[in-house]
Protein backbone atom coordinates (compact mmCIF):
# COMPACT_ATOMS: atom_id res chain seq x y z
CA UNK A 1 67.29 -33.95 -25.34
CA UNK A 2 64.87 -31.06 -24.96
CA UNK A 3 64.23 -29.83 -21.38
CA UNK A 4 60.62 -29.26 -20.42
CA UNK A 5 60.50 -26.24 -18.14
CA UNK A 6 58.75 -26.15 -14.77
CA UNK A 7 55.63 -23.98 -14.80
CA UNK A 8 55.75 -23.14 -11.13
CA UNK A 9 53.48 -26.02 -10.12
CA UNK A 10 54.27 -29.37 -8.57
CA UNK A 11 53.60 -31.55 -11.59
CA UNK A 12 54.15 -34.79 -9.68
CA UNK A 13 50.50 -34.98 -8.64
CA UNK A 14 49.31 -35.37 -12.22
CA UNK A 15 52.29 -37.44 -13.38
CA UNK A 16 51.49 -41.03 -14.46
CA UNK A 17 54.54 -42.13 -12.45
CA UNK A 18 53.17 -40.66 -9.19
CA UNK A 19 52.14 -44.17 -8.14
CA UNK A 20 55.53 -45.66 -9.00
CA UNK A 21 57.41 -47.65 -6.37
CA UNK A 22 59.54 -44.63 -5.52
CA UNK A 23 57.15 -41.68 -5.58
CA UNK A 24 54.24 -43.48 -3.93
CA UNK A 25 56.30 -43.93 -0.75
CA UNK A 26 57.03 -40.23 -0.31
CA UNK A 27 55.00 -37.69 1.64
CA UNK A 28 54.18 -34.23 0.32
CA UNK A 29 57.34 -32.63 1.74
CA UNK A 30 59.59 -35.28 0.18
CA UNK A 31 57.74 -35.07 -3.15
CA UNK A 32 58.22 -31.29 -3.17
CA UNK A 33 61.96 -31.72 -2.56
CA UNK A 34 62.22 -34.46 -5.17
CA UNK A 35 60.45 -32.26 -7.69
CA UNK A 36 62.73 -29.33 -6.88
CA UNK A 37 65.88 -31.22 -7.90
CA UNK A 38 64.34 -32.83 -11.01
CA UNK A 39 64.84 -31.86 -14.62
CA UNK A 40 62.02 -32.83 -16.96
CA UNK A 41 63.16 -34.01 -20.35
CA UNK A 42 61.48 -35.18 -23.53
CA UNK A 43 62.99 -37.66 -25.98
CA UNK A 44 61.77 -38.18 -29.53
CA UNK A 45 61.21 -41.75 -30.83
CA UNK A 46 64.59 -43.28 -31.60
CA UNK A 47 66.45 -40.89 -29.29
CA UNK A 48 68.36 -41.87 -26.16
CA UNK A 49 68.11 -41.03 -22.47
CA UNK A 50 71.71 -42.19 -22.22
CA UNK A 51 74.02 -44.42 -24.22
CA UNK A 52 76.40 -47.25 -23.44
CA UNK A 53 79.69 -45.97 -21.99
CA UNK A 54 78.17 -42.66 -20.90
CA UNK A 55 78.97 -41.65 -17.29
CA UNK A 56 76.34 -43.02 -14.89
CA UNK A 57 75.62 -39.63 -13.35
CA UNK A 58 71.83 -39.54 -13.62
CA UNK A 59 68.74 -41.52 -12.64
CA UNK A 60 65.57 -41.30 -14.75
CA UNK A 61 61.93 -42.02 -13.96
CA UNK A 62 59.72 -42.55 -17.02
CA UNK A 63 56.58 -40.37 -16.91
CA UNK A 64 55.03 -41.15 -20.29
CA UNK A 65 56.03 -43.22 -23.31
CA UNK A 66 57.76 -46.55 -23.83
CA UNK A 67 61.49 -47.21 -24.04
CA UNK A 68 63.98 -50.04 -23.94
CA UNK A 69 67.36 -50.93 -22.51
CA UNK A 70 69.80 -52.37 -25.03
CA UNK A 71 73.38 -53.56 -25.14
CA UNK A 72 75.65 -54.17 -28.11
CA UNK A 73 78.22 -56.94 -28.37
CA UNK A 74 81.70 -56.38 -29.79
CA UNK A 75 80.56 -57.77 -33.17
CA UNK A 76 77.54 -55.44 -33.35
CA UNK A 77 74.81 -57.83 -32.23
CA UNK A 78 72.16 -56.34 -29.96
CA UNK A 79 70.44 -57.71 -26.87
CA UNK A 80 67.42 -55.87 -25.52
CA UNK A 81 67.55 -56.21 -21.76
CA UNK A 82 64.16 -54.74 -20.84
CA UNK A 83 61.29 -52.54 -21.98
CA UNK A 84 60.53 -49.38 -20.01
CA UNK A 85 57.01 -48.25 -19.08
CA UNK A 86 55.70 -45.23 -17.15
CA UNK A 87 56.87 -45.50 -13.55
CA UNK A 88 60.02 -47.43 -14.46
CA UNK A 89 63.50 -46.26 -13.58
CA UNK A 90 66.58 -46.18 -15.77
CA UNK A 91 70.13 -45.36 -14.76
CA UNK A 92 70.22 -47.31 -11.49
CA UNK A 93 73.55 -48.78 -12.53
CA UNK A 94 76.25 -50.19 -10.23
CA UNK A 95 79.21 -48.84 -12.19
CA UNK A 96 80.47 -45.35 -13.04
CA UNK A 97 80.05 -46.04 -16.77
CA UNK A 98 76.75 -47.18 -18.30
CA UNK A 99 76.78 -50.77 -19.58
CA UNK A 100 73.47 -50.33 -21.46
CA UNK A 101 71.69 -47.68 -23.52
CA UNK A 102 68.17 -46.40 -22.84
CA UNK A 103 66.26 -45.71 -26.08
CA UNK A 104 62.82 -44.19 -26.66
CA UNK A 105 60.40 -46.30 -28.71
CA UNK A 106 57.68 -43.65 -28.59
CA UNK A 107 57.83 -40.01 -27.51
CA UNK A 108 59.12 -40.30 -23.99
CA UNK A 109 58.98 -37.92 -21.03
CA UNK A 110 61.03 -38.48 -17.90
CA UNK A 111 62.25 -36.84 -14.74
CA UNK A 112 66.04 -36.79 -14.36
CA UNK A 113 68.03 -36.47 -11.15
CA UNK A 114 71.77 -36.19 -10.63
CA UNK A 115 73.09 -38.91 -8.35
CA UNK A 116 74.69 -36.40 -5.96
CA UNK A 117 71.35 -34.60 -5.53
CA UNK A 118 69.56 -37.89 -4.79
CA UNK A 119 72.27 -38.85 -2.30
CA UNK A 120 71.74 -35.57 -0.45
CA UNK A 121 67.96 -36.07 -0.48
CA UNK A 122 68.31 -39.64 0.85
CA UNK A 123 70.16 -38.31 3.89
CA UNK A 124 67.06 -36.30 4.80
CA UNK A 125 64.56 -38.98 3.73
CA UNK A 126 65.88 -42.49 4.51
CA UNK A 127 62.72 -44.05 3.04
CA UNK A 128 63.93 -42.87 -0.37
CA UNK A 129 67.07 -44.98 -0.10
CA UNK A 130 65.03 -47.97 1.06
CA UNK A 131 62.73 -47.66 -1.93
CA UNK A 132 65.61 -47.35 -4.38
CA UNK A 133 67.14 -50.52 -2.97
CA UNK A 134 63.83 -52.35 -3.39
CA UNK A 135 63.55 -51.08 -6.95
CA UNK A 136 67.07 -52.36 -7.65
CA UNK A 137 66.08 -55.75 -6.23
CA UNK A 138 63.04 -55.97 -8.49
CA UNK A 139 65.16 -55.05 -11.51
CA UNK A 140 67.49 -57.91 -10.63
CA UNK A 141 64.56 -60.33 -10.23
CA UNK A 142 63.18 -59.32 -13.64
CA UNK A 143 66.61 -59.83 -15.21
CA UNK A 144 66.85 -63.31 -13.69
CA UNK A 145 63.41 -64.15 -15.08
CA UNK A 146 64.56 -63.12 -18.54
CA UNK A 147 67.73 -65.21 -18.27
CA UNK A 148 65.58 -68.23 -17.40
CA UNK A 149 63.22 -67.61 -20.32
CA UNK A 150 66.04 -67.18 -22.82
CA UNK A 151 67.87 -70.22 -21.59
CA UNK A 152 65.12 -72.75 -21.02
CA UNK A 153 62.21 -72.08 -23.37
CA UNK A 154 61.62 -72.69 -27.05
CA UNK A 155 60.50 -69.96 -29.47
CA UNK A 156 56.76 -70.56 -28.98
CA UNK A 157 57.13 -70.49 -25.21
CA UNK A 158 59.26 -67.36 -25.39
CA UNK A 159 56.73 -65.45 -27.46
CA UNK A 160 53.87 -66.53 -25.22
CA UNK A 161 55.87 -65.31 -22.22
CA UNK A 162 56.62 -62.03 -23.97
CA UNK A 163 52.97 -61.29 -24.78
CA UNK A 164 51.75 -62.05 -21.27
CA UNK A 165 54.60 -60.12 -19.68
CA UNK A 166 53.99 -57.08 -21.88
CA UNK A 167 50.28 -57.21 -21.15
CA UNK A 168 51.00 -57.34 -17.43
CA UNK A 169 53.39 -54.37 -17.69
CA UNK A 170 50.95 -52.37 -19.80
CA UNK A 171 48.11 -53.00 -17.36
CA UNK A 172 50.24 -51.97 -14.38
CA UNK A 173 51.41 -48.77 -16.08
CA UNK A 174 48.36 -47.70 -18.07
CA UNK A 175 45.40 -49.62 -16.70
CA UNK A 176 43.36 -52.44 -18.28
CA UNK A 177 43.18 -52.48 -22.07
CA UNK A 178 41.29 -54.81 -24.36
CA UNK A 179 44.14 -54.66 -26.87
CA UNK A 180 47.82 -55.13 -26.11
CA UNK A 181 49.75 -52.39 -27.89
CA UNK A 182 53.29 -53.29 -28.94
CA UNK A 183 55.23 -50.16 -29.97
CA UNK A 184 58.33 -52.24 -30.63
CA UNK A 185 59.19 -53.82 -33.99
CA UNK A 186 59.51 -57.53 -34.71
CA UNK A 187 63.28 -56.96 -34.74
CA UNK A 188 63.05 -55.51 -31.21
CA UNK A 189 61.08 -58.55 -30.05
CA UNK A 190 63.63 -60.88 -31.64
CA UNK A 191 66.50 -59.04 -29.94
CA UNK A 192 64.69 -59.28 -26.61
CA UNK A 193 63.91 -62.99 -26.87
CA UNK A 194 67.20 -64.03 -28.45
CA UNK A 195 65.68 -65.52 -31.61
CA UNK A 196 65.60 -64.44 -35.26
CA UNK A 197 63.05 -62.01 -36.65
CA UNK A 198 61.92 -64.72 -39.08
CA UNK A 199 61.18 -66.99 -36.12
CA UNK A 200 59.22 -64.24 -34.38
CA UNK A 201 57.04 -63.72 -37.48
CA UNK A 202 56.54 -67.47 -37.93
CA UNK A 203 55.49 -68.01 -34.30
CA UNK A 204 53.13 -65.04 -34.38
CA UNK A 205 51.45 -66.59 -37.42
CA UNK A 206 51.31 -70.01 -35.77
CA UNK A 207 49.66 -68.90 -32.52
CA UNK A 208 47.25 -66.76 -34.53
CA UNK A 209 46.21 -69.83 -36.57
CA UNK A 210 45.76 -71.73 -33.31
CA UNK A 211 43.28 -69.09 -32.18
CA UNK A 212 45.36 -67.97 -29.21
CA UNK A 213 45.57 -64.36 -30.41
CA UNK A 214 44.21 -61.95 -32.99
CA UNK A 215 46.40 -59.47 -34.85
CA UNK A 216 44.41 -56.41 -35.98
CA UNK A 217 47.73 -54.98 -37.16
CA UNK A 218 51.43 -55.64 -36.48
CA UNK A 219 51.51 -53.42 -33.38
CA UNK A 220 48.33 -54.61 -31.67
CA UNK A 221 47.43 -57.99 -30.22
CA UNK A 222 44.19 -59.30 -28.74
CA UNK A 223 44.75 -62.27 -26.46
CA UNK A 224 41.92 -64.76 -27.02
CA UNK A 225 42.99 -67.80 -24.97
CA UNK A 226 44.89 -66.52 -21.97
CA UNK A 227 44.97 -69.75 -20.00
CA UNK A 228 46.51 -71.64 -22.90
CA UNK A 229 49.14 -68.95 -23.34
CA UNK A 230 49.90 -69.04 -19.60
CA UNK A 231 50.31 -72.81 -19.71
CA UNK A 232 52.59 -72.58 -22.76
CA UNK A 233 54.75 -69.89 -21.16
CA UNK A 234 54.43 -71.12 -17.55
CA UNK A 235 53.80 -67.48 -16.74
CA UNK A 236 51.19 -66.65 -14.11
CA UNK A 237 51.49 -62.94 -13.15
CA UNK A 238 48.70 -63.22 -10.57
CA UNK A 239 50.54 -65.95 -8.70
CA UNK A 240 48.26 -68.80 -9.76
């Protein structure tokens, strides 16, 4: 990992993660203190913020780029637990040893804090601890949603859910886009949804033929019939 040096300025104000659930709750004094104990790092595509079985000593906030959380089984099979967008946190783990790895899909920049430094900061700013607990709760809720999807939906429903969920995450992190950009491979999607890569490709082709989506290229999707996709997936991010 290559450190990105401070230039003497408080970079938080221009950081895409400034409006994240943690940073948005902090006043200028707290932001200054949070910045002072941060290390800025950059990870190349395919590199890791941390790996499974590393000590859980650090917390990371994604500034730019897309990543994923993955876990390997004893026989080498992989399950992708989540995709990481700007503003997301990684490393908020309950155990002393990491049970997942955090991998960069694109060039990824993040702020890194040592747990002991955050603990000291939370003593001075109790709202920081409150926000971290809320973030942990939302991570748990997202994990439970994924367990439900993997356990109760067929392949077509899973892929519809995935596309709508990724669009929702992209919009929240980067703003509205006409095209949904998918930096992950079909293998990554398969390992996230718990189906084979052949099934992923087949279902993409099927929903394209049905006119639900367009595929300008393998990494970009245009959703054409959102309501039909929402009904297939039973996924309504706006609470409808």
